[in-house]
Amino acid sequence: GVDTAGSEQVDTDRLEALRTIVLPLSGSGVFDPTSPAYSEQRVATLEWLANDRYATERLPADDPSLTWKIRQRYVVGLFHIMTDSSNWFDDFNGLTDQDECNWNRGSSFKGDFTGVEREVEVKGIICDAESGRVERIIYCKSSVW
């Protein structure tokens, strides 16, 4: 299970506003401890989002134009919580106060003996530069790691 003990006190008004925004993605049962659909991970993600400094400062829950961004952050946050990214070798900055489009790492590799740089390989959350919407999520290990 997800350890939410010791987590910060959640602003209940913000939590409820965020719950309303993400309900179409998760359904109401996942937040109800009496429901068979209850999900500790989804509750933990919602609480993380309610306390997340980036989201609280830049994503007001009462701005309908930001609904897609709040939902996107919830989904990628849920991905990190469900896959226990805190125990990954590299969590790609996940669940930080950065925009989720920065939850990645890029590195260029030089050929073994040629010294020629190849294309930059980015792993993590990859977003469209103009829209800020997630395009791809790449977390696979390369055989050269």
N, C-alpha and C. Protein backbone atom coordinates (compact mmCIF):
# COMPACT_ATOMS: atom_id res chain seq x y z
N GLY A 1 0.81 -1.19 0.00
CA GLY A 1 0.00 0.00 0.00
C GLY A 1 0.85 1.25 0.00
N VAL A 2 0.20 2.34 -0.20
CA VAL A 2 0.87 3.63 -0.23
C VAL A 2 0.87 4.20 1.16
N ASP A 3 2.03 4.64 1.61
CA ASP A 3 2.15 5.23 2.94
C ASP A 3 1.85 6.72 2.86
N THR A 4 0.67 7.11 3.34
CA THR A 4 0.33 8.52 3.34
C THR A 4 0.44 9.09 4.75
N ALA A 5 0.87 8.27 5.70
CA ALA A 5 1.06 8.76 7.07
C ALA A 5 2.15 9.81 7.05
N GLY A 6 1.94 10.86 7.79
CA GLY A 6 2.94 11.91 7.86
C GLY A 6 2.86 12.89 6.71
N SER A 7 1.89 12.67 5.80
CA SER A 7 1.78 13.62 4.70
C SER A 7 1.20 14.92 5.25
N GLU A 8 1.43 15.99 4.51
CA GLU A 8 0.99 17.30 4.95
C GLU A 8 -0.53 17.34 5.08
N GLN A 9 -1.00 18.26 5.89
CA GLN A 9 -2.44 18.48 6.01
C GLN A 9 -2.96 18.99 4.67
N VAL A 10 -4.01 18.39 4.18
CA VAL A 10 -4.55 18.74 2.87
C VAL A 10 -5.63 19.79 3.02
N ASP A 11 -5.60 20.81 2.17
CA ASP A 11 -6.64 21.82 2.09
C ASP A 11 -7.89 21.12 1.54
N THR A 12 -8.90 20.93 2.39
CA THR A 12 -10.06 20.13 2.00
C THR A 12 -10.84 20.76 0.85
N ASP A 13 -10.91 22.10 0.79
CA ASP A 13 -11.61 22.74 -0.33
C ASP A 13 -10.90 22.46 -1.65
N ARG A 14 -9.57 22.59 -1.63
CA ARG A 14 -8.80 22.30 -2.85
C ARG A 14 -8.90 20.82 -3.21
N LEU A 15 -8.84 19.96 -2.20
CA LEU A 15 -8.94 18.52 -2.44
C LEU A 15 -10.27 18.19 -3.12
N GLU A 16 -11.35 18.76 -2.65
CA GLU A 16 -12.67 18.49 -3.24
C GLU A 16 -12.75 19.05 -4.66
N ALA A 17 -12.19 20.23 -4.89
CA ALA A 17 -12.20 20.81 -6.23
C ALA A 17 -11.40 19.92 -7.19
N LEU A 18 -10.25 19.43 -6.73
CA LEU A 18 -9.43 18.55 -7.57
C LEU A 18 -10.12 17.21 -7.80
N ARG A 19 -10.76 16.69 -6.77
CA ARG A 19 -11.48 15.42 -6.91
C ARG A 19 -12.54 15.54 -8.01
N THR A 20 -13.26 16.66 -8.02
CA THR A 20 -14.27 16.89 -9.05
C THR A 20 -13.64 16.91 -10.44
N ILE A 21 -12.47 17.50 -10.55
CA ILE A 21 -11.79 17.59 -11.85
C ILE A 21 -11.34 16.22 -12.34
N VAL A 22 -10.84 15.36 -11.44
CA VAL A 22 -10.30 14.07 -11.88
C VAL A 22 -11.33 12.94 -11.87
N LEU A 23 -12.52 13.18 -11.35
CA LEU A 23 -13.55 12.13 -11.31
C LEU A 23 -13.81 11.48 -12.67
N PRO A 24 -13.88 12.24 -13.76
CA PRO A 24 -14.11 11.59 -15.05
C PRO A 24 -13.01 10.60 -15.44
N LEU A 25 -11.83 10.75 -14.87
CA LEU A 25 -10.72 9.84 -15.18
C LEU A 25 -10.74 8.59 -14.32
N SER A 26 -11.11 8.74 -13.06
CA SER A 26 -11.00 7.65 -12.10
C SER A 26 -12.33 7.08 -11.64
N GLY A 27 -13.38 7.86 -11.68
CA GLY A 27 -14.64 7.44 -11.11
C GLY A 27 -14.66 7.71 -9.62
N SER A 28 -15.85 7.86 -9.05
CA SER A 28 -15.95 8.26 -7.65
C SER A 28 -15.59 7.15 -6.68
N GLY A 29 -15.81 5.90 -7.05
CA GLY A 29 -15.55 4.79 -6.14
C GLY A 29 -14.12 4.68 -5.67
N VAL A 30 -13.17 5.11 -6.48
CA VAL A 30 -11.76 4.96 -6.11
C VAL A 30 -11.38 5.82 -4.91
N PHE A 31 -12.16 6.84 -4.63
CA PHE A 31 -11.88 7.73 -3.49
C PHE A 31 -12.71 7.39 -2.26
N ASP A 32 -13.61 6.42 -2.36
CA ASP A 32 -14.51 6.05 -1.28
C ASP A 32 -14.01 4.77 -0.60
N PRO A 33 -13.52 4.87 0.64
CA PRO A 33 -12.96 3.69 1.31
C PRO A 33 -13.95 2.54 1.50
N THR A 34 -15.25 2.80 1.37
CA THR A 34 -16.24 1.73 1.52
C THR A 34 -16.56 1.06 0.19
N SER A 35 -16.01 1.58 -0.91
CA SER A 35 -16.28 1.05 -2.24
C SER A 35 -15.30 -0.07 -2.59
N PRO A 36 -15.76 -1.10 -3.32
CA PRO A 36 -14.83 -2.14 -3.79
C PRO A 36 -13.80 -1.57 -4.79
N ALA A 37 -14.10 -0.42 -5.39
CA ALA A 37 -13.18 0.19 -6.35
C ALA A 37 -12.14 1.08 -5.68
N TYR A 38 -12.18 1.20 -4.35
CA TYR A 38 -11.27 2.09 -3.61
C TYR A 38 -9.82 1.82 -3.98
N SER A 39 -9.07 2.90 -4.15
CA SER A 39 -7.66 2.79 -4.54
C SER A 39 -6.79 3.70 -3.67
N GLU A 40 -5.97 3.08 -2.82
CA GLU A 40 -5.05 3.87 -1.99
C GLU A 40 -4.12 4.72 -2.85
N GLN A 41 -3.70 4.17 -4.00
CA GLN A 41 -2.79 4.91 -4.86
C GLN A 41 -3.45 6.15 -5.45
N ARG A 42 -4.71 6.04 -5.83
CA ARG A 42 -5.40 7.21 -6.39
C ARG A 42 -5.67 8.26 -5.32
N VAL A 43 -5.99 7.83 -4.12
CA VAL A 43 -6.16 8.77 -3.00
C VAL A 43 -4.83 9.46 -2.72
N ALA A 44 -3.75 8.70 -2.68
CA ALA A 44 -2.42 9.27 -2.43
C ALA A 44 -2.05 10.27 -3.53
N THR A 45 -2.40 9.96 -4.77
CA THR A 45 -2.10 10.86 -5.88
C THR A 45 -2.90 12.15 -5.76
N LEU A 46 -4.17 12.03 -5.41
CA LEU A 46 -5.01 13.21 -5.23
C LEU A 46 -4.47 14.08 -4.08
N GLU A 47 -4.07 13.45 -2.99
CA GLU A 47 -3.51 14.21 -1.87
C GLU A 47 -2.18 14.86 -2.25
N TRP A 48 -1.36 14.12 -3.01
CA TRP A 48 -0.09 14.70 -3.49
C TRP A 48 -0.38 15.94 -4.34
N LEU A 49 -1.35 15.83 -5.24
CA LEU A 49 -1.69 16.93 -6.12
C LEU A 49 -2.22 18.13 -5.33
N ALA A 50 -3.00 17.87 -4.29
CA ALA A 50 -3.54 18.95 -3.47
C ALA A 50 -2.44 19.68 -2.70
N ASN A 51 -1.36 18.98 -2.36
CA ASN A 51 -0.24 19.57 -1.62
C ASN A 51 0.92 20.01 -2.51
N ASP A 52 0.90 19.61 -3.76
CA ASP A 52 1.99 19.87 -4.69
C ASP A 52 2.18 21.37 -4.90
N ARG A 53 3.37 21.87 -4.60
CA ARG A 53 3.63 23.31 -4.68
C ARG A 53 3.44 23.84 -6.10
N TYR A 54 3.91 23.11 -7.09
CA TYR A 54 3.74 23.56 -8.48
C TYR A 54 2.25 23.73 -8.79
N ALA A 55 1.47 22.71 -8.46
CA ALA A 55 0.04 22.75 -8.77
C ALA A 55 -0.69 23.82 -7.97
N THR A 56 -0.37 23.97 -6.70
CA THR A 56 -1.08 24.95 -5.89
C THR A 56 -0.73 26.38 -6.31
N GLU A 57 0.48 26.60 -6.79
CA GLU A 57 0.88 27.95 -7.20
C GLU A 57 0.47 28.28 -8.63
N ARG A 58 0.46 27.28 -9.52
CA ARG A 58 0.27 27.57 -10.94
C ARG A 58 -1.01 27.00 -11.54
N LEU A 59 -1.70 26.12 -10.80
CA LEU A 59 -2.88 25.48 -11.36
C LEU A 59 -4.08 25.64 -10.43
N PRO A 60 -4.69 26.81 -10.40
CA PRO A 60 -5.86 26.97 -9.54
C PRO A 60 -6.98 26.05 -10.00
N ALA A 61 -7.59 25.38 -9.06
CA ALA A 61 -8.63 24.39 -9.38
C ALA A 61 -9.92 25.05 -9.87
N ASP A 62 -10.03 26.37 -9.71
CA ASP A 62 -11.25 27.04 -10.15
C ASP A 62 -11.12 27.69 -11.53
N ASP A 63 -10.05 27.37 -12.26
CA ASP A 63 -9.85 27.90 -13.61
C ASP A 63 -10.13 26.79 -14.61
N PRO A 64 -11.30 26.79 -15.28
CA PRO A 64 -11.66 25.70 -16.19
C PRO A 64 -10.68 25.51 -17.34
N SER A 65 -9.95 26.56 -17.72
CA SER A 65 -9.00 26.42 -18.82
C SER A 65 -7.80 25.55 -18.44
N LEU A 66 -7.62 25.30 -17.15
CA LEU A 66 -6.49 24.49 -16.69
C LEU A 66 -6.89 23.05 -16.33
N THR A 67 -8.15 22.70 -16.55
CA THR A 67 -8.62 21.35 -16.21
C THR A 67 -7.76 20.28 -16.86
N TRP A 68 -7.45 20.43 -18.15
CA TRP A 68 -6.64 19.43 -18.85
C TRP A 68 -5.27 19.28 -18.20
N LYS A 69 -4.67 20.38 -17.75
CA LYS A 69 -3.33 20.35 -17.17
C LYS A 69 -3.37 19.66 -15.81
N ILE A 70 -4.40 19.93 -15.02
CA ILE A 70 -4.55 19.27 -13.72
C ILE A 70 -4.75 17.77 -13.92
N ARG A 71 -5.59 17.40 -14.89
CA ARG A 71 -5.81 15.97 -15.18
C ARG A 71 -4.53 15.31 -15.66
N GLN A 72 -3.78 15.99 -16.49
CA GLN A 72 -2.52 15.44 -16.99
C GLN A 72 -1.55 15.21 -15.84
N ARG A 73 -1.43 16.19 -14.95
CA ARG A 73 -0.51 16.07 -13.82
C ARG A 73 -0.95 14.94 -12.89
N TYR A 74 -2.25 14.79 -12.70
CA TYR A 74 -2.79 13.69 -11.89
C TYR A 74 -2.41 12.34 -12.50
N VAL A 75 -2.59 12.19 -13.81
CA VAL A 75 -2.31 10.92 -14.47
C VAL A 75 -0.83 10.55 -14.39
N VAL A 76 0.07 11.51 -14.67
CA VAL A 76 1.49 11.17 -14.61
C VAL A 76 1.95 10.99 -13.16
N GLY A 77 1.33 11.72 -12.23
CA GLY A 77 1.60 11.49 -10.81
C GLY A 77 1.16 10.11 -10.39
N LEU A 78 -0.02 9.70 -10.85
CA LEU A 78 -0.53 8.35 -10.55
C LEU A 78 0.39 7.28 -11.13
N PHE A 79 0.89 7.51 -12.32
CA PHE A 79 1.85 6.57 -12.93
C PHE A 79 3.06 6.38 -12.01
N HIS A 80 3.59 7.49 -11.52
CA HIS A 80 4.77 7.41 -10.65
C HIS A 80 4.44 6.72 -9.32
N ILE A 81 3.30 7.02 -8.75
CA ILE A 81 2.93 6.38 -7.48
C ILE A 81 2.63 4.90 -7.67
N MET A 82 1.90 4.55 -8.73
CA MET A 82 1.53 3.14 -8.96
C MET A 82 2.76 2.28 -9.28
N THR A 83 3.78 2.88 -9.86
CA THR A 83 4.98 2.12 -10.21
C THR A 83 6.09 2.31 -9.18
N ASP A 84 5.79 2.98 -8.07
CA ASP A 84 6.73 3.15 -6.97
C ASP A 84 8.05 3.77 -7.44
N SER A 85 7.93 4.90 -8.14
CA SER A 85 9.11 5.52 -8.74
C SER A 85 10.15 5.97 -7.72
N SER A 86 9.75 6.12 -6.46
CA SER A 86 10.74 6.51 -5.45
C SER A 86 11.80 5.44 -5.27
N ASN A 87 11.53 4.23 -5.72
CA ASN A 87 12.51 3.14 -5.63
C ASN A 87 13.18 2.82 -6.96
N TRP A 88 12.94 3.62 -7.97
CA TRP A 88 13.62 3.43 -9.25
C TRP A 88 15.07 3.87 -9.11
N PHE A 89 15.93 3.36 -9.98
CA PHE A 89 17.31 3.82 -10.04
C PHE A 89 17.34 5.31 -10.36
N ASP A 90 16.48 5.76 -11.26
CA ASP A 90 16.35 7.16 -11.62
C ASP A 90 14.86 7.43 -11.80
N ASP A 91 14.31 8.32 -10.99
CA ASP A 91 12.87 8.59 -11.08
C ASP A 91 12.55 9.74 -12.05
N PHE A 92 13.57 10.23 -12.76
CA PHE A 92 13.39 11.25 -13.79
C PHE A 92 12.69 12.51 -13.26
N ASN A 93 12.97 12.87 -12.02
CA ASN A 93 12.40 14.07 -11.38
C ASN A 93 10.91 13.96 -11.12
N GLY A 94 10.36 12.76 -11.15
CA GLY A 94 8.93 12.58 -10.95
C GLY A 94 8.48 13.00 -9.55
N LEU A 95 7.26 13.46 -9.48
CA LEU A 95 6.62 13.89 -8.24
C LEU A 95 7.36 15.05 -7.57
N THR A 96 8.02 15.86 -8.39
CA THR A 96 8.70 17.05 -7.87
C THR A 96 7.84 18.27 -8.14
N ASP A 97 8.31 19.42 -7.67
CA ASP A 97 7.59 20.67 -7.87
C ASP A 97 7.86 21.29 -9.24
N GLN A 98 8.40 20.50 -10.14
CA GLN A 98 8.60 20.96 -11.51
C GLN A 98 7.38 20.62 -12.35
N ASP A 99 7.22 21.33 -13.45
CA ASP A 99 6.19 20.97 -14.42
C ASP A 99 6.43 19.52 -14.84
N GLU A 100 5.37 18.76 -14.99
CA GLU A 100 5.53 17.33 -15.32
C GLU A 100 6.22 17.13 -16.67
N CYS A 101 6.21 18.13 -17.53
CA CYS A 101 6.93 18.04 -18.81
C CYS A 101 8.44 18.08 -18.61
N ASN A 102 8.89 18.38 -17.40
CA ASN A 102 10.32 18.36 -17.07
C ASN A 102 10.71 17.11 -16.29
N TRP A 103 9.80 16.17 -16.17
CA TRP A 103 10.12 14.92 -15.47
C TRP A 103 10.80 13.98 -16.46
N ASN A 104 12.00 14.34 -16.87
CA ASN A 104 12.72 13.54 -17.85
C ASN A 104 14.21 13.81 -17.74
N ARG A 105 14.94 13.06 -18.50
CA ARG A 105 16.39 13.23 -18.60
C ARG A 105 16.77 13.07 -20.07
N GLY A 106 17.69 13.89 -20.51
CA GLY A 106 18.22 13.77 -21.86
C GLY A 106 19.71 13.62 -21.78
N SER A 107 20.24 12.81 -22.66
CA SER A 107 21.69 12.67 -22.71
C SER A 107 22.10 12.35 -24.13
N SER A 108 23.24 12.92 -24.53
CA SER A 108 23.75 12.56 -25.84
C SER A 108 24.90 11.60 -25.64
N PHE A 109 24.98 10.67 -26.51
CA PHE A 109 26.00 9.63 -26.41
C PHE A 109 27.00 9.80 -27.54
N LYS A 110 28.26 9.61 -27.23
CA LYS A 110 29.29 9.66 -28.25
C LYS A 110 29.59 8.24 -28.70
N GLY A 111 29.88 8.08 -29.99
CA GLY A 111 30.24 6.77 -30.52
C GLY A 111 31.49 6.26 -29.83
N ASP A 112 31.62 4.96 -29.70
CA ASP A 112 32.72 4.36 -28.95
C ASP A 112 34.09 4.90 -29.34
N PHE A 113 34.40 4.92 -30.62
CA PHE A 113 35.74 5.35 -31.04
C PHE A 113 35.71 6.55 -31.97
N THR A 114 34.52 6.92 -32.41
CA THR A 114 34.44 7.98 -33.41
C THR A 114 34.38 9.36 -32.77
N GLY A 115 33.86 9.45 -31.55
CA GLY A 115 33.71 10.75 -30.92
C GLY A 115 32.58 11.57 -31.51
N VAL A 116 31.80 10.96 -32.40
CA VAL A 116 30.70 11.68 -33.05
C VAL A 116 29.46 11.59 -32.17
N GLU A 117 28.86 12.77 -31.92
CA GLU A 117 27.64 12.76 -31.11
C GLU A 117 26.48 12.26 -31.94
N ARG A 118 25.65 11.47 -31.29
CA ARG A 118 24.43 11.00 -31.92
C ARG A 118 23.27 11.80 -31.37
N GLU A 119 22.10 11.49 -31.85
CA GLU A 119 20.87 12.18 -31.42
C GLU A 119 20.69 12.09 -29.91
N VAL A 120 20.16 13.14 -29.33
CA VAL A 120 19.89 13.17 -27.90
C VAL A 120 18.75 12.20 -27.60
N GLU A 121 18.95 11.38 -26.59
CA GLU A 121 17.94 10.42 -26.18
C GLU A 121 17.29 10.94 -24.91
N VAL A 122 15.99 11.18 -24.97
CA VAL A 122 15.26 11.68 -23.81
C VAL A 122 14.38 10.57 -23.28
N LYS A 123 14.44 10.37 -21.98
CA LYS A 123 13.59 9.38 -21.33
C LYS A 123 12.83 10.05 -20.22
N GLY A 124 11.62 9.60 -20.01
CA GLY A 124 10.74 10.16 -19.00
C GLY A 124 9.47 10.66 -19.66
N ILE A 125 8.92 11.74 -19.12
CA ILE A 125 7.72 12.36 -19.67
C ILE A 125 8.16 13.30 -20.79
N ILE A 126 7.60 13.14 -21.97
CA ILE A 126 7.96 13.96 -23.11
C ILE A 126 6.69 14.66 -23.60
N CYS A 127 6.74 15.99 -23.62
CA CYS A 127 5.57 16.79 -23.97
C CYS A 127 5.80 17.55 -25.27
N ASP A 128 4.71 17.90 -25.91
CA ASP A 128 4.74 18.78 -27.06
C ASP A 128 5.19 20.16 -26.58
N ALA A 129 6.17 20.74 -27.26
CA ALA A 129 6.74 22.01 -26.81
C ALA A 129 5.74 23.15 -26.85
N GLU A 130 4.82 23.13 -27.79
CA GLU A 130 3.87 24.24 -27.90
C GLU A 130 2.68 24.08 -26.96
N SER A 131 2.08 22.90 -26.92
CA SER A 131 0.85 22.72 -26.16
C SER A 131 1.08 22.34 -24.70
N GLY A 132 2.24 21.74 -24.40
CA GLY A 132 2.50 21.27 -23.04
C GLY A 132 1.80 19.97 -22.71
N ARG A 133 1.24 19.32 -23.72
CA ARG A 133 0.55 18.05 -23.49
C ARG A 133 1.52 16.88 -23.66
N VAL A 134 1.35 15.88 -22.82
CA VAL A 134 2.22 14.70 -22.88
C VAL A 134 2.03 14.01 -24.23
N GLU A 135 3.15 13.76 -24.89
CA GLU A 135 3.13 13.03 -26.16
C GLU A 135 3.54 11.58 -25.96
N ARG A 136 4.57 11.38 -25.13
CA ARG A 136 5.11 10.03 -24.92
C ARG A 136 5.63 9.90 -23.51
N ILE A 137 5.67 8.68 -23.05
CA ILE A 137 6.31 8.34 -21.79
C ILE A 137 7.28 7.21 -22.10
N ILE A 138 8.56 7.47 -21.90
CA ILE A 138 9.58 6.47 -22.22
C ILE A 138 10.40 6.21 -20.96
N TYR A 139 10.30 5.01 -20.43
CA TYR A 139 11.03 4.63 -19.22
C TYR A 139 11.74 3.30 -19.39
N CYS A 140 12.04 2.91 -20.59
CA CYS A 140 12.70 1.61 -20.76
C CYS A 140 14.20 1.76 -20.64
N LYS A 141 14.84 0.69 -20.20
CA LYS A 141 16.30 0.69 -20.08
C LYS A 141 16.91 0.34 -21.42
N SER A 142 17.99 0.97 -21.73
CA SER A 142 18.75 0.65 -22.92
C SER A 142 19.71 -0.48 -22.60
N SER A 143 20.09 -1.23 -23.59
CA SER A 143 21.03 -2.33 -23.36
C SER A 143 22.43 -1.83 -23.00
N VAL A 144 22.69 -0.52 -23.21
CA VAL A 144 24.01 0.01 -22.90
C VAL A 144 24.08 0.59 -21.48
N TRP A 145 23.00 0.56 -20.73
CA TRP A 145 23.03 1.10 -19.37
C TRP A 145 23.72 0.15 -18.45
